[in-house]
Amino acid sequence: MKNRLILLALHIISLILLGFGWVMDMLHIDISTHFIVNINLFNENRSVLGTLQTLWQTANYWPFALIFLFGILVPLFKSGAIFIILLQKEPKQKLFDFVGAISKWAMADVFAISILVAFLGAGAMQNTSASLEAGFYFFSAYVLLSAIIVWWMGKMQSLSGTSKA
């Protein structure tokens, strides 16, 4: 019971981190050129929710769907399943399997943003720079804390052996 309360508290903390990860700027991109004087062509910060709004408004539905799926829906479904597991006395094995499977997709956004920043930050495009902002670190912290919670729940499940199929 004590472990469940600790996991529940950690899960609530992870959801707070996720919320900050969604609303705070995740990425800063700066594109400028030098032609007699410095001219700034593009200088923007982007959050997950702000990016989703822009993608929807500009009819970029495919990237919108991917970011919405992996950045919003997957964490929400995973969170709901974790709450059910932690609040039930004897959660079903299928629920543990679901959380284990969906957890693998939680790093998709972190990985994609990291690749983009590495590409832009490595000088792949002249006069372009990119940097990670606080939202990226909050989202990454959510992903890591959530992975620890899932791992700990798996340990508890294997030790108790009380789950039903």
N, C-alpha and C. Protein backbone atom coordinates (compact mmCIF):
# COMPACT_ATOMS: atom_id res chain seq x y z
N MET A 1 0.83 -1.20 0.00
CA MET A 1 0.00 0.00 0.00
C MET A 1 0.86 1.26 0.00
N LYS A 2 1.95 1.23 0.78
CA LYS A 2 2.85 2.39 0.86
C LYS A 2 3.47 2.67 -0.51
N ASN A 3 3.91 1.61 -1.21
CA ASN A 3 4.48 1.79 -2.54
C ASN A 3 3.47 2.39 -3.52
N ARG A 4 2.23 1.97 -3.42
CA ARG A 4 1.19 2.52 -4.30
C ARG A 4 0.99 4.02 -4.06
N LEU A 5 1.02 4.43 -2.81
CA LEU A 5 0.87 5.87 -2.51
C LEU A 5 2.06 6.67 -3.03
N ILE A 6 3.24 6.12 -2.88
CA ILE A 6 4.44 6.79 -3.42
C ILE A 6 4.34 6.89 -4.93
N LEU A 7 3.94 5.79 -5.58
CA LEU A 7 3.79 5.81 -7.04
C LEU A 7 2.70 6.78 -7.48
N LEU A 8 1.62 6.83 -6.73
CA LEU A 8 0.55 7.76 -7.05
C LEU A 8 1.04 9.21 -6.95
N ALA A 9 1.79 9.52 -5.90
CA ALA A 9 2.35 10.87 -5.75
C ALA A 9 3.32 11.18 -6.89
N LEU A 10 4.18 10.22 -7.23
CA LEU A 10 5.13 10.42 -8.34
C LEU A 10 4.39 10.60 -9.66
N HIS A 11 3.30 9.87 -9.82
CA HIS A 11 2.52 9.99 -11.06
C HIS A 11 1.88 11.37 -11.17
N ILE A 12 1.38 11.88 -10.07
CA ILE A 12 0.80 13.23 -10.08
C ILE A 12 1.88 14.26 -10.41
N ILE A 13 3.07 14.09 -9.85
CA ILE A 13 4.19 14.98 -10.18
C ILE A 13 4.53 14.87 -11.66
N SER A 14 4.52 13.64 -12.20
CA SER A 14 4.82 13.47 -13.62
C SER A 14 3.79 14.18 -14.49
N LEU A 15 2.53 14.19 -14.07
CA LEU A 15 1.50 14.89 -14.84
C LEU A 15 1.67 16.40 -14.80
N ILE A 16 2.16 16.91 -13.68
CA ILE A 16 2.46 18.35 -13.60
C ILE A 16 3.59 18.68 -14.57
N LEU A 17 4.63 17.84 -14.59
CA LEU A 17 5.73 18.02 -15.53
C LEU A 17 5.22 17.99 -16.98
N LEU A 18 4.31 17.05 -17.26
CA LEU A 18 3.74 16.93 -18.60
C LEU A 18 2.99 18.21 -18.98
N GLY A 19 2.20 18.73 -18.05
CA GLY A 19 1.46 19.96 -18.32
C GLY A 19 2.38 21.12 -18.67
N PHE A 20 3.45 21.27 -17.87
CA PHE A 20 4.43 22.32 -18.19
C PHE A 20 5.10 22.04 -19.54
N GLY A 21 5.35 20.78 -19.82
CA GLY A 21 5.95 20.41 -21.11
C GLY A 21 5.07 20.76 -22.28
N TRP A 22 3.76 20.70 -22.11
CA TRP A 22 2.84 21.04 -23.18
C TRP A 22 2.74 22.54 -23.42
N VAL A 23 2.75 23.35 -22.36
CA VAL A 23 2.44 24.77 -22.52
C VAL A 23 3.68 25.66 -22.62
N MET A 24 4.79 25.22 -22.07
CA MET A 24 6.01 26.05 -22.13
C MET A 24 6.73 25.84 -23.46
N ASP A 25 7.46 26.86 -23.87
CA ASP A 25 8.21 26.75 -25.11
C ASP A 25 9.17 25.58 -25.04
N MET A 26 9.19 24.81 -26.13
CA MET A 26 10.01 23.62 -26.21
C MET A 26 11.24 23.85 -27.09
N LEU A 27 11.08 24.70 -28.07
CA LEU A 27 12.10 24.87 -29.08
C LEU A 27 12.19 26.33 -29.50
N HIS A 28 13.40 26.81 -29.69
CA HIS A 28 13.64 28.16 -30.21
C HIS A 28 14.41 28.01 -31.51
N ILE A 29 13.88 28.61 -32.57
CA ILE A 29 14.54 28.57 -33.88
C ILE A 29 14.79 30.00 -34.34
N ASP A 30 16.02 30.22 -34.80
CA ASP A 30 16.41 31.55 -35.28
C ASP A 30 17.06 31.38 -36.65
N ILE A 31 16.53 32.10 -37.64
CA ILE A 31 17.10 32.09 -38.98
C ILE A 31 17.36 33.54 -39.36
N SER A 32 18.61 33.83 -39.65
CA SER A 32 18.95 35.20 -40.04
C SER A 32 20.00 35.16 -41.15
N THR A 33 20.14 36.28 -41.79
CA THR A 33 21.13 36.38 -42.86
C THR A 33 21.86 37.70 -42.73
N HIS A 34 23.01 37.74 -43.30
CA HIS A 34 23.80 38.97 -43.28
C HIS A 34 23.99 39.44 -44.71
N PHE A 35 23.30 40.53 -45.02
CA PHE A 35 23.45 41.17 -46.32
C PHE A 35 23.55 42.65 -46.04
N ILE A 36 24.73 43.15 -45.96
CA ILE A 36 25.10 44.51 -45.54
C ILE A 36 24.80 44.68 -44.05
N VAL A 37 23.61 44.37 -43.63
CA VAL A 37 23.24 44.38 -42.21
C VAL A 37 22.63 43.02 -41.86
N ASN A 38 22.56 42.73 -40.57
CA ASN A 38 21.92 41.49 -40.15
C ASN A 38 20.41 41.61 -40.32
N ILE A 39 19.83 40.62 -40.97
CA ILE A 39 18.39 40.59 -41.18
C ILE A 39 17.86 39.30 -40.56
N ASN A 40 16.92 39.47 -39.65
CA ASN A 40 16.32 38.31 -39.00
C ASN A 40 15.12 37.86 -39.83
N LEU A 41 15.20 36.64 -40.37
CA LEU A 41 14.13 36.12 -41.21
C LEU A 41 13.06 35.38 -40.40
N PHE A 42 13.50 34.73 -39.35
CA PHE A 42 12.58 33.91 -38.55
C PHE A 42 13.16 33.78 -37.16
N ASN A 43 12.37 34.08 -36.16
CA ASN A 43 12.81 33.96 -34.78
C ASN A 43 11.59 33.60 -33.96
N GLU A 44 11.47 32.32 -33.61
CA GLU A 44 10.26 31.89 -32.93
C GLU A 44 10.54 30.85 -31.87
N ASN A 45 9.71 30.89 -30.84
CA ASN A 45 9.68 29.84 -29.82
C ASN A 45 8.42 29.04 -30.07
N ARG A 46 8.50 27.73 -29.81
CA ARG A 46 7.34 26.87 -30.04
C ARG A 46 7.09 25.96 -28.85
N SER A 47 5.85 25.89 -28.42
CA SER A 47 5.41 24.92 -27.43
C SER A 47 4.66 23.81 -28.17
N VAL A 48 4.38 22.73 -27.47
CA VAL A 48 3.62 21.64 -28.10
C VAL A 48 2.23 22.13 -28.48
N LEU A 49 1.53 22.75 -27.54
CA LEU A 49 0.17 23.21 -27.85
C LEU A 49 0.15 24.32 -28.89
N GLY A 50 1.13 25.23 -28.83
CA GLY A 50 1.22 26.28 -29.84
C GLY A 50 1.51 25.72 -31.23
N THR A 51 2.35 24.71 -31.28
CA THR A 51 2.66 24.07 -32.56
C THR A 51 1.43 23.37 -33.11
N LEU A 52 0.70 22.69 -32.24
CA LEU A 52 -0.53 22.03 -32.69
C LEU A 52 -1.53 23.03 -33.26
N GLN A 53 -1.68 24.15 -32.58
CA GLN A 53 -2.60 25.19 -33.05
C GLN A 53 -2.18 25.70 -34.43
N THR A 54 -0.89 25.98 -34.59
CA THR A 54 -0.39 26.49 -35.87
C THR A 54 -0.57 25.45 -36.98
N LEU A 55 -0.25 24.20 -36.68
CA LEU A 55 -0.39 23.15 -37.69
C LEU A 55 -1.85 22.99 -38.13
N TRP A 56 -2.78 23.06 -37.19
CA TRP A 56 -4.20 22.93 -37.52
C TRP A 56 -4.65 24.11 -38.37
N GLN A 57 -4.27 25.32 -37.97
CA GLN A 57 -4.70 26.52 -38.69
C GLN A 57 -4.13 26.59 -40.10
N THR A 58 -2.97 25.99 -40.31
CA THR A 58 -2.35 26.01 -41.64
C THR A 58 -2.65 24.74 -42.43
N ALA A 59 -3.58 23.94 -41.95
CA ALA A 59 -4.04 22.72 -42.62
C ALA A 59 -2.92 21.69 -42.81
N ASN A 60 -1.98 21.65 -41.90
CA ASN A 60 -0.94 20.62 -41.90
C ASN A 60 -1.41 19.50 -40.98
N TYR A 61 -2.37 18.72 -41.46
CA TYR A 61 -3.06 17.76 -40.62
C TYR A 61 -2.23 16.53 -40.27
N TRP A 62 -1.35 16.09 -41.17
CA TRP A 62 -0.54 14.91 -40.88
C TRP A 62 0.43 15.15 -39.72
N PRO A 63 1.25 16.21 -39.77
CA PRO A 63 2.11 16.45 -38.60
C PRO A 63 1.30 16.76 -37.34
N PHE A 64 0.16 17.45 -37.51
CA PHE A 64 -0.72 17.70 -36.37
C PHE A 64 -1.13 16.38 -35.73
N ALA A 65 -1.58 15.43 -36.56
CA ALA A 65 -2.06 14.14 -36.05
C ALA A 65 -0.94 13.39 -35.33
N LEU A 66 0.26 13.41 -35.88
CA LEU A 66 1.38 12.70 -35.25
C LEU A 66 1.74 13.30 -33.90
N ILE A 67 1.86 14.63 -33.86
CA ILE A 67 2.20 15.29 -32.60
C ILE A 67 1.08 15.12 -31.58
N PHE A 68 -0.16 15.23 -32.04
CA PHE A 68 -1.30 15.06 -31.13
C PHE A 68 -1.33 13.63 -30.58
N LEU A 69 -1.08 12.66 -31.45
CA LEU A 69 -1.10 11.25 -31.02
C LEU A 69 0.00 10.97 -30.01
N PHE A 70 1.25 11.27 -30.38
CA PHE A 70 2.38 10.89 -29.53
C PHE A 70 2.66 11.88 -28.40
N GLY A 71 2.27 13.13 -28.58
CA GLY A 71 2.55 14.12 -27.54
C GLY A 71 1.41 14.36 -26.57
N ILE A 72 0.18 14.06 -26.98
CA ILE A 72 -0.98 14.32 -26.13
C ILE A 72 -1.72 13.01 -25.78
N LEU A 73 -2.18 12.29 -26.79
CA LEU A 73 -3.02 11.11 -26.53
C LEU A 73 -2.27 9.97 -25.84
N VAL A 74 -1.09 9.64 -26.34
CA VAL A 74 -0.33 8.54 -25.71
C VAL A 74 -0.08 8.82 -24.23
N PRO A 75 0.42 10.01 -23.87
CA PRO A 75 0.60 10.27 -22.44
C PRO A 75 -0.71 10.23 -21.65
N LEU A 76 -1.82 10.70 -22.24
CA LEU A 76 -3.10 10.68 -21.52
C LEU A 76 -3.60 9.26 -21.30
N PHE A 77 -3.54 8.42 -22.33
CA PHE A 77 -3.96 7.02 -22.18
C PHE A 77 -3.07 6.29 -21.19
N LYS A 78 -1.78 6.54 -21.29
CA LYS A 78 -0.84 5.90 -20.36
C LYS A 78 -1.15 6.35 -18.93
N SER A 79 -1.39 7.62 -18.75
CA SER A 79 -1.70 8.16 -17.42
C SER A 79 -2.97 7.54 -16.86
N GLY A 80 -4.00 7.46 -17.68
CA GLY A 80 -5.25 6.85 -17.23
C GLY A 80 -5.06 5.40 -16.82
N ALA A 81 -4.29 4.66 -17.60
CA ALA A 81 -4.03 3.26 -17.27
C ALA A 81 -3.23 3.14 -15.98
N ILE A 82 -2.27 4.02 -15.78
CA ILE A 82 -1.47 3.99 -14.55
C ILE A 82 -2.37 4.28 -13.34
N PHE A 83 -3.25 5.27 -13.47
CA PHE A 83 -4.17 5.56 -12.37
C PHE A 83 -5.04 4.33 -12.04
N ILE A 84 -5.56 3.67 -13.05
CA ILE A 84 -6.39 2.48 -12.83
C ILE A 84 -5.59 1.40 -12.12
N ILE A 85 -4.36 1.16 -12.58
CA ILE A 85 -3.52 0.14 -11.95
C ILE A 85 -3.26 0.48 -10.49
N LEU A 86 -2.94 1.73 -10.23
CA LEU A 86 -2.59 2.12 -8.86
C LEU A 86 -3.80 2.16 -7.93
N LEU A 87 -4.98 2.37 -8.47
CA LEU A 87 -6.17 2.48 -7.63
C LEU A 87 -6.93 1.17 -7.47
N GLN A 88 -6.68 0.19 -8.34
CA GLN A 88 -7.34 -1.10 -8.21
C GLN A 88 -6.55 -2.01 -7.28
N LYS A 89 -7.27 -2.84 -6.56
CA LYS A 89 -6.59 -3.79 -5.67
C LYS A 89 -5.86 -4.86 -6.47
N GLU A 90 -6.50 -5.38 -7.49
CA GLU A 90 -5.91 -6.42 -8.31
C GLU A 90 -6.09 -6.08 -9.78
N PRO A 91 -5.22 -5.23 -10.32
CA PRO A 91 -5.36 -4.85 -11.73
C PRO A 91 -5.11 -6.04 -12.66
N LYS A 92 -5.73 -6.00 -13.79
CA LYS A 92 -5.61 -7.07 -14.78
C LYS A 92 -4.26 -7.01 -15.48
N GLN A 93 -3.74 -8.17 -15.85
CA GLN A 93 -2.46 -8.27 -16.54
C GLN A 93 -2.50 -7.50 -17.86
N LYS A 94 -3.64 -7.51 -18.54
CA LYS A 94 -3.76 -6.80 -19.82
C LYS A 94 -3.47 -5.30 -19.66
N LEU A 95 -3.85 -4.75 -18.53
CA LEU A 95 -3.60 -3.33 -18.28
C LEU A 95 -2.10 -3.06 -18.12
N PHE A 96 -1.41 -3.95 -17.40
CA PHE A 96 0.05 -3.84 -17.28
C PHE A 96 0.70 -3.96 -18.65
N ASP A 97 0.22 -4.89 -19.47
CA ASP A 97 0.77 -5.09 -20.81
C ASP A 97 0.55 -3.84 -21.67
N PHE A 98 -0.65 -3.23 -21.55
CA PHE A 98 -0.97 -2.02 -22.30
C PHE A 98 -0.01 -0.89 -21.93
N VAL A 99 0.19 -0.69 -20.63
CA VAL A 99 1.09 0.38 -20.17
C VAL A 99 2.52 0.12 -20.65
N GLY A 100 2.95 -1.13 -20.58
CA GLY A 100 4.29 -1.46 -21.06
C GLY A 100 4.45 -1.19 -22.54
N ALA A 101 3.43 -1.51 -23.33
CA ALA A 101 3.50 -1.30 -24.78
C ALA A 101 3.46 0.18 -25.13
N ILE A 102 2.58 0.93 -24.49
CA ILE A 102 2.41 2.34 -24.82
C ILE A 102 3.60 3.17 -24.31
N SER A 103 4.26 2.69 -23.27
CA SER A 103 5.42 3.41 -22.72
C SER A 103 6.55 3.54 -23.72
N LYS A 104 6.64 2.58 -24.61
CA LYS A 104 7.72 2.60 -25.61
C LYS A 104 7.57 3.78 -26.57
N TRP A 105 6.35 4.28 -26.73
CA TRP A 105 6.10 5.37 -27.66
C TRP A 105 6.27 6.74 -27.01
N ALA A 106 6.43 6.79 -25.71
CA ALA A 106 6.50 8.07 -25.00
C ALA A 106 7.74 8.87 -25.37
N MET A 107 8.80 8.20 -25.78
CA MET A 107 10.03 8.91 -26.14
C MET A 107 10.01 9.45 -27.55
N ALA A 108 8.96 9.19 -28.32
CA ALA A 108 8.92 9.59 -29.73
C ALA A 108 9.09 11.10 -29.89
N ASP A 109 8.36 11.90 -29.12
CA ASP A 109 8.48 13.36 -29.23
C ASP A 109 9.86 13.85 -28.82
N VAL A 110 10.36 13.32 -27.72
CA VAL A 110 11.67 13.73 -27.23
C VAL A 110 12.73 13.43 -28.29
N PHE A 111 12.65 12.26 -28.88
CA PHE A 111 13.60 11.85 -29.90
C PHE A 111 13.50 12.75 -31.14
N ALA A 112 12.28 13.01 -31.60
CA ALA A 112 12.08 13.82 -32.79
C ALA A 112 12.60 15.25 -32.61
N ILE A 113 12.29 15.86 -31.48
CA ILE A 113 12.77 17.23 -31.21
C ILE A 113 14.29 17.25 -31.11
N SER A 114 14.87 16.23 -30.47
CA SER A 114 16.33 16.16 -30.34
C SER A 114 17.00 16.08 -31.71
N ILE A 115 16.44 15.29 -32.60
CA ILE A 115 16.98 15.16 -33.96
C ILE A 115 16.92 16.51 -34.68
N LEU A 116 15.78 17.20 -34.57
CA LEU A 116 15.62 18.50 -35.22
C LEU A 116 16.64 19.50 -34.70
N VAL A 117 16.80 19.56 -33.38
CA VAL A 117 17.76 20.50 -32.80
C VAL A 117 19.19 20.13 -33.19
N ALA A 118 19.50 18.85 -33.21
CA ALA A 118 20.85 18.43 -33.62
C ALA A 118 21.11 18.83 -35.07
N PHE A 119 20.11 18.66 -35.93
CA PHE A 119 20.25 19.02 -37.33
C PHE A 119 20.47 20.52 -37.50
N LEU A 120 19.61 21.31 -36.87
CA LEU A 120 19.70 22.77 -37.02
C LEU A 120 20.89 23.34 -36.25
N GLY A 121 21.14 22.79 -35.08
CA GLY A 121 22.22 23.31 -34.24
C GLY A 121 23.61 22.94 -34.73
N ALA A 122 23.71 21.90 -35.54
CA ALA A 122 25.01 21.46 -36.03
C ALA A 122 25.44 22.23 -37.27
N GLY A 123 24.72 23.27 -37.60
CA GLY A 123 25.10 24.09 -38.74
C GLY A 123 24.73 23.45 -40.06
N ALA A 124 23.73 22.56 -40.05
CA ALA A 124 23.31 21.91 -41.28
C ALA A 124 22.74 22.93 -42.26
N MET A 125 22.21 24.00 -41.71
CA MET A 125 21.70 25.08 -42.55
C MET A 125 22.40 26.36 -42.09
N GLN A 126 23.08 26.99 -43.00
CA GLN A 126 23.83 28.20 -42.67
C GLN A 126 22.87 29.27 -42.15
N ASN A 127 23.31 30.01 -41.15
CA ASN A 127 22.54 31.09 -40.54
C ASN A 127 21.29 30.62 -39.81
N THR A 128 21.26 29.36 -39.44
CA THR A 128 20.13 28.81 -38.70
C THR A 128 20.63 28.25 -37.39
N SER A 129 19.92 28.55 -36.33
CA SER A 129 20.26 27.96 -35.04
C SER A 129 19.00 27.53 -34.33
N ALA A 130 19.14 26.54 -33.50
CA ALA A 130 18.01 26.04 -32.73
C ALA A 130 18.50 25.71 -31.34
N SER A 131 17.64 25.91 -30.37
CA SER A 131 17.99 25.55 -29.00
C SER A 131 16.75 25.03 -28.28
N LEU A 132 17.02 24.17 -27.33
CA LEU A 132 15.94 23.60 -26.54
C LEU A 132 15.55 24.58 -25.44
N GLU A 133 14.27 24.65 -25.18
CA GLU A 133 13.73 25.53 -24.15
C GLU A 133 13.20 24.69 -22.99
N ALA A 134 12.71 25.35 -21.96
CA ALA A 134 12.29 24.68 -20.73
C ALA A 134 11.22 23.61 -20.96
N GLY A 135 10.30 23.83 -21.88
CA GLY A 135 9.25 22.86 -22.13
C GLY A 135 9.78 21.49 -22.53
N PHE A 136 10.87 21.48 -23.29
CA PHE A 136 11.50 20.22 -23.69
C PHE A 136 11.98 19.46 -22.46
N TYR A 137 12.58 20.17 -21.52
CA TYR A 137 13.12 19.52 -20.32
C TYR A 137 12.00 19.05 -19.40
N PHE A 138 10.92 19.80 -19.31
CA PHE A 138 9.77 19.35 -18.54
C PHE A 138 9.16 18.09 -19.16
N PHE A 139 9.00 18.10 -20.48
CA PHE A 139 8.44 16.93 -21.15
C PHE A 139 9.36 15.72 -20.99
N SER A 140 10.65 15.94 -21.14
CA SER A 140 11.63 14.86 -20.97
C SER A 140 11.60 14.32 -19.54
N ALA A 141 11.47 15.21 -18.56
CA ALA A 141 11.39 14.78 -17.16
C ALA A 141 10.13 13.94 -16.94
N TYR A 142 9.02 14.35 -17.58
CA TYR A 142 7.80 13.55 -17.50
C TYR A 142 8.06 12.14 -18.05
N VAL A 143 8.67 12.07 -19.22
CA VAL A 143 8.91 10.77 -19.86
C VAL A 143 9.77 9.88 -18.97
N LEU A 144 10.84 10.44 -18.41
CA LEU A 144 11.73 9.65 -17.55
C LEU A 144 11.04 9.23 -16.25
N LEU A 145 10.35 10.16 -15.59
CA LEU A 145 9.66 9.81 -14.35
C LEU A 145 8.57 8.78 -14.61
N SER A 146 7.87 8.93 -15.70
CA SER A 146 6.83 7.99 -16.07
C SER A 146 7.42 6.60 -16.32
N ALA A 147 8.58 6.54 -16.96
CA ALA A 147 9.24 5.25 -17.20
C ALA A 147 9.64 4.59 -15.88
N ILE A 148 10.12 5.39 -14.94
CA ILE A 148 10.48 4.86 -13.61
C ILE A 148 9.23 4.31 -12.92
N ILE A 149 8.12 5.02 -13.02
CA ILE A 149 6.87 4.58 -12.40
C ILE A 149 6.44 3.24 -13.00
N VAL A 150 6.48 3.13 -14.33
CA VAL A 150 6.08 1.89 -14.99
C VAL A 150 7.02 0.75 -14.58
N TRP A 151 8.31 1.02 -14.51
CA TRP A 151 9.27 0.00 -14.08
C TRP A 151 8.97 -0.45 -12.65
N TRP A 152 8.73 0.50 -11.77
CA TRP A 152 8.45 0.19 -10.36
C TRP A 152 7.14 -0.61 -10.24
N MET A 153 6.13 -0.23 -11.02
CA MET A 153 4.87 -0.98 -11.00
C MET A 153 5.10 -2.42 -11.46
N GLY A 154 5.93 -2.59 -12.46
CA GLY A 154 6.25 -3.94 -12.94
C GLY A 154 6.94 -4.76 -11.87
N LYS A 155 7.85 -4.13 -11.12
CA LYS A 155 8.53 -4.82 -10.01
C LYS A 155 7.51 -5.22 -8.94
N MET A 156 6.62 -4.30 -8.61
CA MET A 156 5.58 -4.61 -7.60
C MET A 156 4.70 -5.76 -8.07
N GLN A 157 4.35 -5.74 -9.36
CA GLN A 157 3.49 -6.77 -9.91
C GLN A 157 4.18 -8.13 -9.86
N SER A 158 5.43 -8.18 -10.24
CA SER A 158 6.14 -9.47 -10.27
C SER A 158 6.38 -9.99 -8.85
N LEU A 159 6.56 -9.08 -7.89
CA LEU A 159 6.76 -9.51 -6.50
C LEU A 159 5.47 -10.01 -5.87
N SER A 160 4.35 -9.34 -6.21
CA SER A 160 3.08 -9.73 -5.58
C SER A 160 2.46 -10.94 -6.27
N GLY A 161 2.60 -11.01 -7.59
CA GLY A 161 2.02 -12.12 -8.33
C GLY A 161 0.52 -12.21 -8.20
N THR A 162 -0.12 -11.05 -7.93
CA THR A 162 -1.57 -11.07 -7.68
C THR A 162 -2.40 -10.62 -8.87
N SER A 163 -1.78 -10.28 -9.98
CA SER A 163 -2.58 -9.78 -11.11
C SER A 163 -3.36 -10.92 -11.75
N LYS A 164 -4.52 -10.59 -12.25
CA LYS A 164 -5.40 -11.56 -12.91
C LYS A 164 -5.40 -11.28 -14.40
N ALA A 165 -5.52 -12.31 -15.18
CA ALA A 165 -5.53 -12.16 -16.64
C ALA A 165 -6.85 -11.76 -17.17
